[in-house]
Amino acid sequence: MKKFIKIEELGQFLLSIVLFSQLDFKWWLFPALLLLPDLSMLGYLINTKTGALMYNLFHHKMLAVILFSFGLYFNIPILMLSGVILFGHSAMDRVFGYGLKYADDFKHTHLGWIGRN
């Protein structure tokens, strides 16, 4: 089952590339911004609960869909870009097994424990 989920997430990552290609931004911006959502991990400097909350907010695909949709509806390219980057980053993370975090430990995710078989 995990392989099917990873394939699905890979498809979503590819979708983010296709969506980005429809925006009027330079191609180098996609890889340059792709890891930006990981700045949300700075919340872990406070504690695991704050870290998980911040991480999950910026790695939740619904936020990405909302930002992209608002950007599309109101013709605000930077919102569309933000949505695409958040969506692509979240999908990429999940391909590598990094899921949404539980508040007890950074390595405890909705996909299981990071680094455990």
C-alpha atoms as a PDB file:
ATOM      1  CA  MET A   1       0.000   0.000   0.000  1.00  0.00           C
ATOM      2  CA  LYS A   2       2.842   2.415   0.803  1.00  0.00           C
ATOM      3  CA  LYS A   3       4.132   2.119  -2.771  1.00  0.00           C
ATOM      4  CA  PHE A   4       0.704   3.086  -4.128  1.00  0.00           C
ATOM      5  CA  ILE A   5       0.610   6.120  -1.857  1.00  0.00           C
ATOM      6  CA  LYS A   6       4.103   7.151  -2.973  1.00  0.00           C
ATOM      7  CA  ILE A   7       3.090   6.805  -6.638  1.00  0.00           C
ATOM      8  CA  GLU A   8      -0.013   8.906  -5.982  1.00  0.00           C
ATOM      9  CA  GLU A   9       2.085  11.575  -4.258  1.00  0.00           C
ATOM     10  CA  LEU A  10       4.578  11.517  -7.136  1.00  0.00           C
ATOM     11  CA  GLY A  11       1.666  12.174  -9.501  1.00  0.00           C
ATOM     12  CA  GLN A  12       0.624  15.139  -7.363  1.00  0.00           C
ATOM     13  CA  PHE A  13       4.180  16.471  -7.418  1.00  0.00           C
ATOM     14  CA  LEU A  14       4.176  16.209 -11.216  1.00  0.00           C
ATOM     15  CA  LEU A  15       0.830  18.028 -11.238  1.00  0.00           C
ATOM     16  CA  SER A  16       2.452  20.879  -9.306  1.00  0.00           C
ATOM     17  CA  ILE A  17       5.101  21.144 -12.029  1.00  0.00           C
ATOM     18  CA  VAL A  18       2.399  21.253 -14.713  1.00  0.00           C
ATOM     19  CA  LEU A  19       0.469  23.925 -12.798  1.00  0.00           C
ATOM     20  CA  PHE A  20       3.649  25.933 -12.280  1.00  0.00           C
ATOM     21  CA  SER A  21       4.358  25.769 -16.011  1.00  0.00           C
ATOM     22  CA  GLN A  22       1.032  27.528 -16.628  1.00  0.00           C
ATOM     23  CA  LEU A  23       2.043  30.477 -14.450  1.00  0.00           C
ATOM     24  CA  ASP A  24       4.049  33.414 -15.724  1.00  0.00           C
ATOM     25  CA  PHE A  25       7.132  32.916 -13.555  1.00  0.00           C
ATOM     26  CA  LYS A  26      10.715  32.007 -14.435  1.00  0.00           C
ATOM     27  CA  TRP A  27      11.422  28.266 -14.212  1.00  0.00           C
ATOM     28  CA  TRP A  28      14.253  28.692 -11.712  1.00  0.00           C
ATOM     29  CA  LEU A  29      11.722  29.894  -9.108  1.00  0.00           C
ATOM     30  CA  PHE A  30      10.176  26.444  -8.728  1.00  0.00           C
ATOM     31  CA  PRO A  31      13.295  24.695  -7.422  1.00  0.00           C
ATOM     32  CA  ALA A  32      14.402  27.834  -5.573  1.00  0.00           C
ATOM     33  CA  LEU A  33      11.148  28.031  -3.589  1.00  0.00           C
ATOM     34  CA  LEU A  34      10.410  24.324  -3.260  1.00  0.00           C
ATOM     35  CA  LEU A  35      12.074  23.893   0.140  1.00  0.00           C
ATOM     36  CA  LEU A  36      10.787  27.181   1.582  1.00  0.00           C
ATOM     37  CA  PRO A  37       7.851  25.528   3.448  1.00  0.00           C
ATOM     38  CA  ASP A  38      10.411  23.684   5.593  1.00  0.00           C
ATOM     39  CA  LEU A  39      11.117  26.962   7.379  1.00  0.00           C
ATOM     40  CA  SER A  40       7.979  26.067   9.327  1.00  0.00           C
ATOM     41  CA  MET A  41      10.147  23.574  11.231  1.00  0.00           C
ATOM     42  CA  LEU A  42      11.550  26.534  13.143  1.00  0.00           C
ATOM     43  CA  GLY A  43       8.510  26.096  15.397  1.00  0.00           C
ATOM     44  CA  TYR A  44      10.316  23.101  16.873  1.00  0.00           C
ATOM     45  CA  LEU A  45      12.755  25.561  18.474  1.00  0.00           C
ATOM     46  CA  ILE A  46       9.879  26.498  20.794  1.00  0.00           C
ATOM     47  CA  ASN A  47       8.540  23.001  21.533  1.00  0.00           C
ATOM     48  CA  THR A  48       7.178  19.936  19.738  1.00  0.00           C
ATOM     49  CA  LYS A  49       3.546  21.058  19.955  1.00  0.00           C
ATOM     50  CA  THR A  50       4.256  24.434  18.318  1.00  0.00           C
ATOM     51  CA  GLY A  51       6.585  22.775  15.833  1.00  0.00           C
ATOM     52  CA  ALA A  52       3.970  20.238  14.795  1.00  0.00           C
ATOM     53  CA  LEU A  53       1.300  22.945  14.486  1.00  0.00           C
ATOM     54  CA  MET A  54       3.497  25.166  12.307  1.00  0.00           C
ATOM     55  CA  TYR A  55       4.774  22.264  10.231  1.00  0.00           C
ATOM     56  CA  ASN A  56       1.285  20.857   9.643  1.00  0.00           C
ATOM     57  CA  LEU A  57      -0.135  24.254   8.688  1.00  0.00           C
ATOM     58  CA  PHE A  58       2.434  24.742   5.939  1.00  0.00           C
ATOM     59  CA  HIS A  59       2.371  21.113   4.788  1.00  0.00           C
ATOM     60  CA  HIS A  60      -1.392  20.679   4.579  1.00  0.00           C
ATOM     61  CA  LYS A  61      -2.526  20.391   0.984  1.00  0.00           C
ATOM     62  CA  MET A  62      -5.875  22.079   1.682  1.00  0.00           C
ATOM     63  CA  LEU A  63      -4.042  25.336   2.475  1.00  0.00           C
ATOM     64  CA  ALA A  64      -2.251  24.960  -0.862  1.00  0.00           C
ATOM     65  CA  VAL A  65      -5.540  24.375  -2.706  1.00  0.00           C
ATOM     66  CA  ILE A  66      -7.186  27.357  -0.981  1.00  0.00           C
ATOM     67  CA  LEU A  67      -4.288  29.692  -1.809  1.00  0.00           C
ATOM     68  CA  PHE A  68      -4.168  28.543  -5.424  1.00  0.00           C
ATOM     69  CA  SER A  69      -7.957  28.820  -5.787  1.00  0.00           C
ATOM     70  CA  PHE A  70      -8.123  32.320  -4.333  1.00  0.00           C
ATOM     71  CA  GLY A  71      -5.228  33.343  -6.558  1.00  0.00           C
ATOM     72  CA  LEU A  72      -6.962  31.917  -9.602  1.00  0.00           C
ATOM     73  CA  TYR A  73     -10.356  33.436  -8.761  1.00  0.00           C
ATOM     74  CA  PHE A  74      -9.009  36.911  -7.945  1.00  0.00           C
ATOM     75  CA  ASN A  75      -6.184  36.743 -10.522  1.00  0.00           C
ATOM     76  CA  ILE A  76      -3.382  37.099  -7.962  1.00  0.00           C
ATOM     77  CA  PRO A  77      -0.376  35.245  -9.416  1.00  0.00           C
ATOM     78  CA  ILE A  78       1.652  35.249  -6.166  1.00  0.00           C
ATOM     79  CA  LEU A  79      -1.168  33.350  -4.403  1.00  0.00           C
ATOM     80  CA  MET A  80      -1.287  30.828  -7.244  1.00  0.00           C
ATOM     81  CA  LEU A  81       2.496  30.430  -6.990  1.00  0.00           C
ATOM     82  CA  SER A  82       2.299  29.990  -3.208  1.00  0.00           C
ATOM     83  CA  GLY A  83      -0.361  27.320  -3.586  1.00  0.00           C
ATOM     84  CA  VAL A  84       1.609  25.427  -6.211  1.00  0.00           C
ATOM     85  CA  ILE A  85       4.799  25.516  -4.144  1.00  0.00           C
ATOM     86  CA  LEU A  86       3.038  24.353  -0.960  1.00  0.00           C
ATOM     87  CA  PHE A  87       1.219  21.592  -2.860  1.00  0.00           C
ATOM     88  CA  GLY A  88       4.345  20.411  -4.667  1.00  0.00           C
ATOM     89  CA  HIS A  89       6.472  20.502  -1.537  1.00  0.00           C
ATOM     90  CA  SER A  90       3.919  18.542   0.500  1.00  0.00           C
ATOM     91  CA  ALA A  91       3.606  15.909  -2.214  1.00  0.00           C
ATOM     92  CA  MET A  92       7.392  15.656  -2.529  1.00  0.00           C
ATOM     93  CA  ASP A  93       7.751  15.243   1.235  1.00  0.00           C
ATOM     94  CA  ARG A  94       5.221  12.434   1.258  1.00  0.00           C
ATOM     95  CA  VAL A  95       7.008  10.637  -1.564  1.00  0.00           C
ATOM     96  CA  PHE A  96       9.986  10.473   0.822  1.00  0.00           C
ATOM     97  CA  GLY A  97       7.835   9.376   3.765  1.00  0.00           C
ATOM     98  CA  TYR A  98       7.537  12.690   5.604  1.00  0.00           C
ATOM     99  CA  GLY A  99       3.957  13.134   6.705  1.00  0.00           C
ATOM    100  CA  LEU A 100       2.023  15.501   8.913  1.00  0.00           C
ATOM    101  CA  LYS A 101       3.424  15.560  12.431  1.00  0.00           C
ATOM    102  CA  TYR A 102       2.027  14.479  15.769  1.00  0.00           C
ATOM    103  CA  ALA A 103       2.831  16.766  18.707  1.00  0.00           C
ATOM    104  CA  ASP A 104       4.841  14.184  20.657  1.00  0.00           C
ATOM    105  CA  ASP A 105       7.851  13.804  18.345  1.00  0.00           C
ATOM    106  CA  PHE A 106       9.107  15.211  15.024  1.00  0.00           C
ATOM    107  CA  LYS A 107       9.602  11.698  13.689  1.00  0.00           C
ATOM    108  CA  HIS A 108       6.011  10.640  14.489  1.00  0.00           C
ATOM    109  CA  THR A 109       3.910  11.302  11.366  1.00  0.00           C
ATOM    110  CA  HIS A 110       0.561  10.287   9.954  1.00  0.00           C
ATOM    111  CA  LEU A 111       2.494   7.970   7.626  1.00  0.00           C
ATOM    112  CA  GLY A 112       4.251   6.270  10.531  1.00  0.00           C
ATOM    113  CA  TRP A 113       7.579   6.833  12.226  1.00  0.00           C
ATOM    114  CA  ILE A 114      10.353   8.367  10.111  1.00  0.00           C
ATOM    115  CA  GLY A 115      13.317   6.009   9.898  1.00  0.00           C
ATOM    116  CA  ARG A 116      11.520   2.907  11.147  1.00  0.00           C
ATOM    117  CA  ASN A 117      10.498  -0.037   8.983  1.00  0.00           C
END
